[in-house]
Amino acid sequence: MTVPPAPPPSTTPPPPRLRELDLLRFVAAGAVVLHHFAGVRSTVWAGRDAQKIFPELAPVAHFGYLGVELFFLISGFVILMSAWGRRPGDFAVSRVVRIYPAYWFSVLLGLVLFLTTGAAVPYGPDDPDPVGRVLPNLTMLQEGIGVKPLEVVYWTLWVELHFYVLVALLAWRGITYNRCVTFMVSWLLLGAYAHEAGNAFLEKALFPTMAPYFIGGMAFYLIHRYGPNLVLGLVIGACWALGVHYGVQGISGLNAWPGVHEWVVPTVVTALYLIMALVATRRLAWLSWRGFTILGALTYPLYLLHEMVARAIVKQFFPHPILDRLTILPVITVAVLLAAYLVHRLVEVPLQALMRPRLKAALAQIRRDGAPASAPAAAPRAGSAAPAGHQAAAPAPSAVRRPAPERAEGLEGTPGATVL
């Protein structure tokens, strides 16, 4: 019995870059940086309340943590766009190459800064020092095994990994418009059921308090790709309502501002959904300056590094006769931006170029069940006839036809296709 060949790689061209999303990602990262630098009792100031150090910025900086919600909305949009037409293995390779190089560097840099300056997240005297948490943190699975992250911001990466797993399952089934809608509605409902039942496993797997942002982002991408309709509008409306509810009722004591957050959080969350609606309907397509791509590239390393770099500088130089509170803020801001740029250019770009072809080769070997790659057959010499019993190869088509958007590449309709 012959084994059917694996499906060919997707010929769908990559989607055009949406530079407005690059700008929004940088704005979201900037909001989080401002929150940690001037809006909350963060690890940057060794337990001191940044709101008291910078009272002028505190009213705005306090709510900068809502930049994370914007990140999750954008992630729902971009990850679905990235996974469309891909098999799970291709999607996994793209995610590993994207998130791990800068992350590994940030973990190792955090260790170096602790060993040289003593600067680290002060979880408490009973917690192990950062050295004992480095190895679990390098996997990005630390929170799943009960180990505290080296940096507080790493918690969002664990949430993102949950989302990637769910999208990989959707890609394994085959991504189509109707399956996306079914997936989003089911996720929203099952998350509510899990919350009601108090099912710990499902609550961890479906993370219902954060899911509305990812689901909303996915719905916005479907609008961007296919246009709006009432069902997508209702899904987005439900996500917005739940996002506002969880944002107000589930606010942490650190971020609470009684009498203020009850109206600021709904206002900001509503604004975020409206902005994403403008992106989905292409009303922000005019934000196409190429510089936004650079800002987007700096976003991830900036998010990872900003607290650890600023913490080390503050520990060594603040308070200082020259660096008062008004000069230390621009110093650490410039420092973290420079660090983000250097990490992008010297770590992310070369490591991604090194990892991508090797991971793709490994994935191809896995799909062949470990068999060696077959050497291409030698082409017959010009003017010679094809060997007896063989048909001459058909000429290559002049252009590859792009598959219809309704059909998912890969598994659907391909008997015997490999899972990855």
Protein backbone atom coordinates (compact mmCIF):
# COMPACT_ATOMS: atom_id res chain seq x y z
CA MET A 1 0.00 0.00 0.00
CA THR A 2 1.56 3.25 -1.08
CA VAL A 3 1.73 6.15 1.33
CA PRO A 4 0.19 9.34 -0.05
CA PRO A 5 2.67 12.18 -0.30
CA ALA A 6 2.61 14.99 2.25
CA PRO A 7 0.90 18.15 1.05
CA PRO A 8 3.12 20.70 -0.66
CA PRO A 9 4.20 23.83 1.19
CA SER A 10 1.82 26.73 1.12
CA THR A 11 2.16 28.94 -1.93
CA THR A 12 0.13 31.70 -0.34
CA PRO A 13 2.25 34.87 -0.39
CA PRO A 14 2.89 36.46 3.00
CA PRO A 15 0.33 39.09 3.98
CA PRO A 16 1.37 42.71 3.54
CA ARG A 17 2.88 44.35 6.60
CA LEU A 18 0.44 46.52 8.49
CA ARG A 19 2.65 49.33 9.73
CA GLU A 20 -0.18 50.80 11.76
CA LEU A 21 0.05 47.69 13.96
CA ASP A 22 3.80 48.25 14.36
CA LEU A 23 3.02 51.72 15.67
CA LEU A 24 0.32 50.42 18.01
CA ARG A 25 2.63 47.74 19.38
CA PHE A 26 5.24 50.38 20.17
CA VAL A 27 2.60 52.57 21.81
CA ALA A 28 1.50 49.60 23.93
CA ALA A 29 5.09 48.90 24.99
CA GLY A 30 5.64 52.59 25.73
CA ALA A 31 2.56 52.62 27.96
CA VAL A 32 3.86 49.66 29.96
CA VAL A 33 7.30 51.27 30.27
CA LEU A 34 5.75 54.52 31.49
CA HIS A 35 3.64 52.56 33.98
CA HIS A 36 6.70 50.87 35.49
CA PHE A 37 8.84 54.01 35.44
CA ALA A 38 6.35 56.54 36.80
CA GLY A 39 3.00 54.98 37.64
CA VAL A 40 3.32 52.18 40.17
CA ARG A 41 5.41 50.77 42.99
CA SER A 42 7.61 48.78 40.60
CA THR A 43 10.87 46.88 40.89
CA VAL A 44 12.71 49.73 39.16
CA TRP A 45 12.74 51.93 42.25
CA ALA A 46 13.56 49.27 44.85
CA GLY A 47 10.14 49.34 46.47
CA ARG A 48 9.65 53.10 46.30
CA ASP A 49 6.38 54.33 44.87
CA ALA A 50 7.03 55.84 41.43
CA GLN A 51 3.83 57.86 41.76
CA LYS A 52 5.45 59.81 44.58
CA ILE A 53 8.70 60.25 42.67
CA PHE A 54 6.88 61.55 39.58
CA PRO A 55 3.52 62.93 40.76
CA GLU A 56 3.20 64.97 37.56
CA LEU A 57 3.06 61.81 35.41
CA ALA A 58 1.28 59.52 37.84
CA PRO A 59 -2.36 60.12 36.73
CA VAL A 60 -1.55 58.95 33.20
CA ALA A 61 1.28 56.51 33.93
CA HIS A 62 -0.79 54.63 36.50
CA PHE A 63 -3.02 53.17 33.77
CA GLY A 64 -0.18 52.31 31.41
CA TYR A 65 -0.63 48.65 32.37
CA LEU A 66 -3.59 48.61 29.97
CA GLY A 67 -1.00 48.52 27.20
CA VAL A 68 -0.95 44.76 27.87
CA GLU A 69 -4.61 44.55 26.84
CA LEU A 70 -3.71 46.30 23.58
CA PHE A 71 -0.88 43.79 23.09
CA PHE A 72 -3.34 40.91 23.43
CA LEU A 73 -5.80 42.47 20.98
CA ILE A 74 -3.02 42.93 18.44
CA SER A 75 -1.78 39.40 19.09
CA GLY A 76 -5.20 37.91 18.30
CA PHE A 77 -5.18 39.79 15.00
CA VAL A 78 -1.57 39.11 13.98
CA ILE A 79 -1.29 35.49 15.14
CA LEU A 80 -4.38 34.44 13.21
CA MET A 81 -3.00 36.26 10.16
CA SER A 82 0.34 34.49 10.64
CA ALA A 83 -1.18 31.02 11.10
CA TRP A 84 -3.55 31.25 8.13
CA GLY A 85 -2.58 28.72 5.46
CA ARG A 86 0.07 27.10 7.65
CA ARG A 87 0.32 23.70 9.23
CA PRO A 88 1.00 23.50 12.99
CA GLY A 89 4.71 22.77 12.53
CA ASP A 90 5.27 25.79 10.30
CA PHE A 91 3.36 27.96 12.74
CA ALA A 92 5.42 26.62 15.66
CA VAL A 93 8.69 27.32 13.86
CA SER A 94 7.63 30.89 13.14
CA ARG A 95 6.74 31.47 16.80
CA VAL A 96 9.90 29.90 18.24
CA VAL A 97 12.09 31.93 15.91
CA ARG A 98 10.19 35.08 16.78
CA ILE A 99 10.01 34.95 20.57
CA TYR A 100 12.90 32.90 21.92
CA PRO A 101 16.14 34.64 20.81
CA ALA A 102 15.43 37.95 22.56
CA TYR A 103 13.85 36.12 25.48
CA TRP A 104 16.89 33.89 26.07
CA PHE A 105 19.11 36.94 25.96
CA SER A 106 16.92 38.80 28.46
CA VAL A 107 17.05 35.89 30.93
CA LEU A 108 20.83 35.67 30.69
CA LEU A 109 21.21 39.45 30.93
CA GLY A 110 19.04 39.44 34.04
CA LEU A 111 21.38 36.86 35.57
CA VAL A 112 24.47 38.91 34.66
CA LEU A 113 22.99 42.10 36.10
CA PHE A 114 22.13 40.29 39.32
CA LEU A 115 25.64 38.88 39.68
CA THR A 116 27.32 42.22 38.92
CA THR A 117 25.00 44.76 40.56
CA GLY A 118 22.69 42.73 42.80
CA ALA A 119 19.68 44.13 40.96
CA ALA A 120 16.77 41.67 40.71
CA VAL A 121 13.03 41.45 41.23
CA PRO A 122 12.58 41.54 45.05
CA TYR A 123 10.00 38.80 45.52
CA GLY A 124 10.85 38.39 49.19
CA PRO A 125 13.43 36.98 51.59
CA ASP A 126 12.02 33.45 51.41
CA ASP A 127 12.22 33.21 47.62
CA PRO A 128 15.27 31.61 46.00
CA ASP A 129 17.73 33.95 44.35
CA PRO A 130 17.55 34.40 40.58
CA VAL A 131 20.41 31.96 39.95
CA GLY A 132 18.20 29.04 40.98
CA ARG A 133 15.43 30.17 38.63
CA VAL A 134 17.46 30.69 35.47
CA LEU A 135 17.11 27.24 33.92
CA PRO A 136 13.32 26.99 34.27
CA ASN A 137 13.02 30.56 32.99
CA LEU A 138 15.02 29.73 29.87
CA THR A 139 12.23 27.35 28.85
CA MET A 140 9.52 30.02 29.24
CA LEU A 141 7.52 27.36 31.11
CA GLN A 142 8.47 28.56 34.61
CA GLU A 143 5.01 29.63 35.69
CA GLY A 144 3.56 26.30 34.64
CA ILE A 145 5.88 24.47 37.06
CA GLY A 146 5.49 26.95 39.92
CA VAL A 147 8.75 28.89 39.49
CA LYS A 148 8.64 32.67 39.69
CA PRO A 149 9.73 34.53 36.54
CA LEU A 150 12.99 36.46 36.61
CA GLU A 151 11.07 39.50 35.37
CA VAL A 152 7.48 40.36 36.23
CA VAL A 153 6.60 41.06 32.59
CA TYR A 154 7.26 37.44 31.65
CA TRP A 155 3.77 36.49 32.87
CA THR A 156 2.32 37.79 29.62
CA LEU A 157 4.51 35.41 27.60
CA TRP A 158 2.99 32.46 29.45
CA VAL A 159 -0.46 33.73 28.48
CA GLU A 160 0.70 34.11 24.88
CA LEU A 161 1.96 30.51 24.87
CA HIS A 162 -1.51 29.35 25.90
CA PHE A 163 -2.92 31.23 22.93
CA TYR A 164 -0.35 29.76 20.53
CA VAL A 165 -1.29 26.24 21.58
CA LEU A 166 -4.97 26.92 20.88
CA VAL A 167 -4.17 28.43 17.48
CA ALA A 168 -1.92 25.45 16.66
CA LEU A 169 -4.86 23.16 17.34
CA LEU A 170 -6.98 25.26 15.02
CA ALA A 171 -4.24 25.08 12.36
CA TRP A 172 -4.07 21.29 12.80
CA ARG A 173 -7.77 21.11 11.96
CA GLY A 174 -7.32 23.55 9.10
CA ILE A 175 -8.04 27.28 9.33
CA THR A 176 -11.10 28.50 7.45
CA TYR A 177 -13.49 31.38 8.04
CA ASN A 178 -16.29 29.23 9.46
CA ARG A 179 -13.94 27.24 11.67
CA CYS A 180 -12.49 30.47 13.07
CA VAL A 181 -15.93 31.75 14.01
CA THR A 182 -16.84 28.39 15.58
CA PHE A 183 -13.53 28.36 17.44
CA MET A 184 -13.95 31.90 18.80
CA VAL A 185 -17.55 31.45 19.97
CA SER A 186 -16.75 28.06 21.52
CA TRP A 187 -13.72 29.48 23.34
CA LEU A 188 -15.76 32.37 24.71
CA LEU A 189 -18.55 30.09 25.95
CA LEU A 190 -16.30 27.36 27.34
CA GLY A 191 -14.27 29.97 29.18
CA ALA A 192 -17.44 31.24 30.87
CA TYR A 193 -18.49 27.67 31.73
CA ALA A 194 -15.05 26.93 33.18
CA HIS A 195 -15.22 30.08 35.28
CA GLU A 196 -18.70 29.15 36.53
CA ALA A 197 -17.72 25.57 37.36
CA GLY A 198 -14.43 26.55 38.94
CA ASN A 199 -12.64 23.98 36.79
CA ALA A 200 -8.98 24.73 37.43
CA PHE A 201 -7.64 22.96 34.35
CA LEU A 202 -10.04 24.62 31.91
CA GLU A 203 -9.52 28.01 33.52
CA LYS A 204 -5.77 27.64 33.03
CA ALA A 205 -6.16 26.33 29.47
CA LEU A 206 -8.76 28.87 28.34
CA PHE A 207 -7.73 31.85 30.57
CA PRO A 208 -11.22 33.43 30.38
CA THR A 209 -10.21 36.78 31.89
CA MET A 210 -7.72 37.50 29.08
CA ALA A 211 -9.36 35.50 26.28
CA PRO A 212 -11.77 38.31 25.21
CA TYR A 213 -8.84 40.34 23.92
CA PHE A 214 -7.37 37.51 21.84
CA ILE A 215 -10.80 36.52 20.50
CA GLY A 216 -11.64 40.13 19.75
CA GLY A 217 -8.36 40.51 17.86
CA MET A 218 -9.15 37.39 15.82
CA ALA A 219 -12.59 38.78 14.96
CA PHE A 220 -11.02 42.06 13.86
CA TYR A 221 -8.69 40.13 11.54
CA LEU A 222 -11.66 38.34 9.96
CA ILE A 223 -13.24 41.74 9.35
CA HIS A 224 -9.98 42.95 7.82
CA ARG A 225 -9.83 39.90 5.55
CA TYR A 226 -13.49 39.38 4.63
CA GLY A 227 -15.42 42.45 5.73
CA PRO A 228 -17.81 43.06 8.64
CA ASN A 229 -21.01 41.22 9.46
CA LEU A 230 -23.42 41.00 12.38
CA VAL A 231 -21.97 37.79 13.83
CA LEU A 232 -18.47 39.22 14.07
CA GLY A 233 -19.92 42.41 15.50
CA LEU A 234 -21.72 40.45 18.22
CA VAL A 235 -18.56 38.48 19.04
CA ILE A 236 -16.57 41.71 19.35
CA GLY A 237 -19.31 43.28 21.47
CA ALA A 238 -19.28 40.31 23.85
CA CYS A 239 -15.47 40.44 24.07
CA TRP A 240 -15.58 44.17 24.81
CA ALA A 241 -18.22 43.73 27.53
CA LEU A 242 -16.31 40.90 29.22
CA GLY A 243 -13.03 42.76 28.91
CA VAL A 244 -14.50 45.79 30.67
CA HIS A 245 -16.04 43.59 33.37
CA TYR A 246 -12.85 41.69 34.13
CA GLY A 247 -10.80 44.87 33.91
CA VAL A 248 -12.85 46.59 36.60
CA GLN A 249 -13.90 43.70 38.84
CA GLY A 250 -10.65 41.75 38.64
CA ILE A 251 -8.24 44.66 39.05
CA SER A 252 -5.24 43.99 41.26
CA GLY A 253 -4.63 45.94 44.41
CA LEU A 254 -1.47 47.37 42.86
CA ASN A 255 -3.40 48.88 39.95
CA ALA A 256 -6.60 49.82 41.75
CA TRP A 257 -7.44 53.50 42.15
CA PRO A 258 -10.82 53.61 43.91
CA GLY A 259 -13.17 56.18 42.45
CA VAL A 260 -11.05 56.54 39.31
CA HIS A 261 -10.34 53.14 37.75
CA GLU A 262 -14.07 52.35 37.66
CA TRP A 263 -14.48 54.79 34.76
CA VAL A 264 -10.95 55.00 33.33
CA VAL A 265 -10.67 51.27 32.61
CA PRO A 266 -13.94 51.08 30.61
CA THR A 267 -12.99 54.24 28.73
CA VAL A 268 -9.53 52.99 27.77
CA VAL A 269 -10.70 49.47 26.86
CA THR A 270 -13.44 50.98 24.68
CA ALA A 271 -10.86 53.19 22.97
CA LEU A 272 -8.63 50.16 22.30
CA TYR A 273 -11.48 48.28 20.62
CA LEU A 274 -12.37 51.33 18.55
CA ILE A 275 -8.76 51.69 17.41
CA MET A 276 -8.65 48.04 16.38
CA ALA A 277 -11.92 48.53 14.51
CA LEU A 278 -10.21 51.31 12.53
CA VAL A 279 -7.34 48.94 11.75
CA ALA A 280 -9.74 46.17 10.70
CA THR A 281 -11.63 48.45 8.34
CA ARG A 282 -8.38 49.84 6.88
CA ARG A 283 -9.03 53.36 8.08
CA LEU A 284 -5.53 53.58 9.55
CA ALA A 285 -3.78 52.30 6.42
CA TRP A 286 -2.40 55.81 5.87
CA LEU A 287 -0.03 55.18 8.79
CA SER A 288 2.46 53.61 6.42
CA TRP A 289 5.74 55.34 7.30
CA ARG A 290 8.60 52.82 7.11
CA GLY A 291 9.96 54.03 10.41
CA PHE A 292 7.01 52.35 12.13
CA THR A 293 8.50 49.00 11.11
CA ILE A 294 11.62 49.84 13.10
CA LEU A 295 9.51 50.83 16.09
CA GLY A 296 7.63 47.55 15.80
CA ALA A 297 10.92 45.63 15.75
CA LEU A 298 12.03 47.35 18.97
CA THR A 299 8.80 46.59 20.80
CA TYR A 300 9.53 43.05 22.00
CA PRO A 301 13.09 43.60 23.30
CA LEU A 302 11.97 46.90 24.84
CA TYR A 303 9.18 45.12 26.69
CA LEU A 304 11.51 42.37 27.92
CA LEU A 305 14.44 44.55 28.99
CA HIS A 306 13.06 47.83 30.27
CA GLU A 307 12.70 46.96 33.95
CA MET A 308 15.96 45.05 34.35
CA VAL A 309 18.09 47.69 32.59
CA ALA A 310 16.43 50.59 34.41
CA ARG A 311 16.65 48.75 37.74
CA ALA A 312 20.40 48.26 37.41
CA ILE A 313 20.96 51.94 36.49
CA VAL A 314 18.79 53.20 39.34
CA LYS A 315 20.50 50.91 41.84
CA GLN A 316 23.92 52.30 40.90
CA PHE A 317 23.19 55.96 40.21
CA PHE A 318 20.05 57.11 42.01
CA PRO A 319 19.93 59.14 44.13
CA HIS A 320 23.04 60.89 42.87
CA PRO A 321 24.34 64.48 43.13
CA ILE A 322 24.02 64.85 39.34
CA LEU A 323 21.11 62.55 38.53
CA ASP A 324 18.02 63.84 40.29
CA ARG A 325 14.49 62.58 39.64
CA LEU A 326 14.05 64.82 36.58
CA THR A 327 17.25 63.63 34.88
CA ILE A 328 17.17 59.94 35.80
CA LEU A 329 13.92 59.37 33.90
CA PRO A 330 15.22 60.42 30.47
CA VAL A 331 18.48 58.59 31.18
CA ILE A 332 16.82 55.24 31.81
CA THR A 333 14.38 55.81 28.94
CA VAL A 334 17.20 56.39 26.44
CA ALA A 335 19.14 53.48 27.92
CA VAL A 336 16.31 50.97 27.49
CA LEU A 337 15.59 52.15 23.94
CA LEU A 338 19.27 51.78 23.04
CA ALA A 339 19.38 48.35 24.67
CA ALA A 340 16.28 47.29 22.71
CA TYR A 341 17.85 48.41 19.43
CA LEU A 342 21.13 46.61 20.14
CA VAL A 343 19.36 43.41 21.10
CA HIS A 344 17.28 43.53 17.95
CA ARG A 345 20.26 44.12 15.67
CA LEU A 346 22.90 41.99 17.41
CA VAL A 347 20.81 39.19 18.91
CA GLU A 348 17.42 38.80 17.26
CA VAL A 349 18.38 39.27 13.61
CA PRO A 350 21.44 36.95 13.55
CA LEU A 351 19.90 34.28 15.80
CA GLN A 352 16.69 34.21 13.80
CA ALA A 353 18.70 33.85 10.59
CA LEU A 354 20.61 30.99 12.22
CA MET A 355 17.60 29.19 13.70
CA ARG A 356 15.00 29.48 10.95
CA PRO A 357 16.58 27.26 8.24
CA ARG A 358 17.69 24.69 10.81
CA LEU A 359 14.27 24.43 12.40
CA LYS A 360 12.67 24.15 8.97
CA ALA A 361 15.11 21.38 8.05
CA ALA A 362 14.35 19.57 11.31
CA LEU A 363 10.62 19.91 10.67
CA ALA A 364 11.04 18.50 7.16
CA GLN A 365 12.93 15.51 8.60
CA ILE A 366 10.18 14.91 11.15
CA ARG A 367 7.60 14.96 8.37
CA ARG A 368 9.65 12.35 6.50
CA ASP A 369 9.66 10.17 9.64
CA GLY A 370 13.42 10.57 9.84
CA ALA A 371 14.14 9.44 6.29
CA PRO A 372 17.00 11.28 4.56
CA ALA A 373 16.09 13.91 2.04
CA SER A 374 15.95 12.36 -1.41
CA ALA A 375 18.38 13.77 -3.95
CA PRO A 376 16.72 15.43 -6.93
CA ALA A 377 16.70 13.27 -10.06
CA ALA A 378 19.20 14.30 -12.73
CA ALA A 379 17.58 16.06 -15.64
CA PRO A 380 18.09 14.38 -19.05
CA ARG A 381 20.63 16.00 -21.32
CA ALA A 382 19.38 18.28 -24.02
CA GLY A 383 18.18 16.35 -27.04
CA SER A 384 18.08 12.98 -25.27
CA ALA A 385 14.85 11.01 -24.92
CA ALA A 386 13.29 10.15 -21.60
CA PRO A 387 14.09 6.65 -20.32
CA ALA A 388 11.74 3.91 -21.43
CA GLY A 389 8.64 3.61 -19.27
CA HIS A 390 8.92 7.18 -18.01
CA GLN A 391 7.03 10.23 -19.05
CA ALA A 392 8.88 13.45 -19.59
CA ALA A 393 8.36 15.98 -16.82
CA ALA A 394 5.70 18.57 -17.51
CA PRO A 395 7.02 22.11 -17.86
CA ALA A 396 6.73 24.26 -14.76
CA PRO A 397 3.78 26.62 -14.80
CA SER A 398 4.64 30.23 -15.38
CA ALA A 399 2.82 31.30 -12.23
CA VAL A 400 1.52 29.59 -9.11
CA ARG A 401 -2.15 30.15 -8.59
CA ARG A 402 -2.98 31.47 -5.13
CA PRO A 403 -5.40 29.21 -3.24
CA ALA A 404 -8.85 30.52 -2.50
CA PRO A 405 -9.02 32.16 0.94
CA GLU A 406 -11.87 29.92 2.07
CA ARG A 407 -9.74 26.78 1.84
CA ALA A 408 -7.14 26.01 4.46
CA GLU A 409 -3.75 24.81 3.27
CA GLY A 410 -2.38 21.55 4.58
CA LEU A 411 -4.53 18.97 6.27
CA GLU A 412 -8.00 19.51 4.88
CA GLY A 413 -8.81 17.15 2.05
CA THR A 414 -5.35 15.55 2.03
CA PRO A 415 -5.53 11.87 2.96
CA GLY A 416 -2.56 10.58 4.90
CA ALA A 417 -1.15 14.08 5.49
CA THR A 418 1.36 14.50 8.26
CA VAL A 419 0.12 16.17 11.44
CA LEU A 420 2.93 18.70 11.54
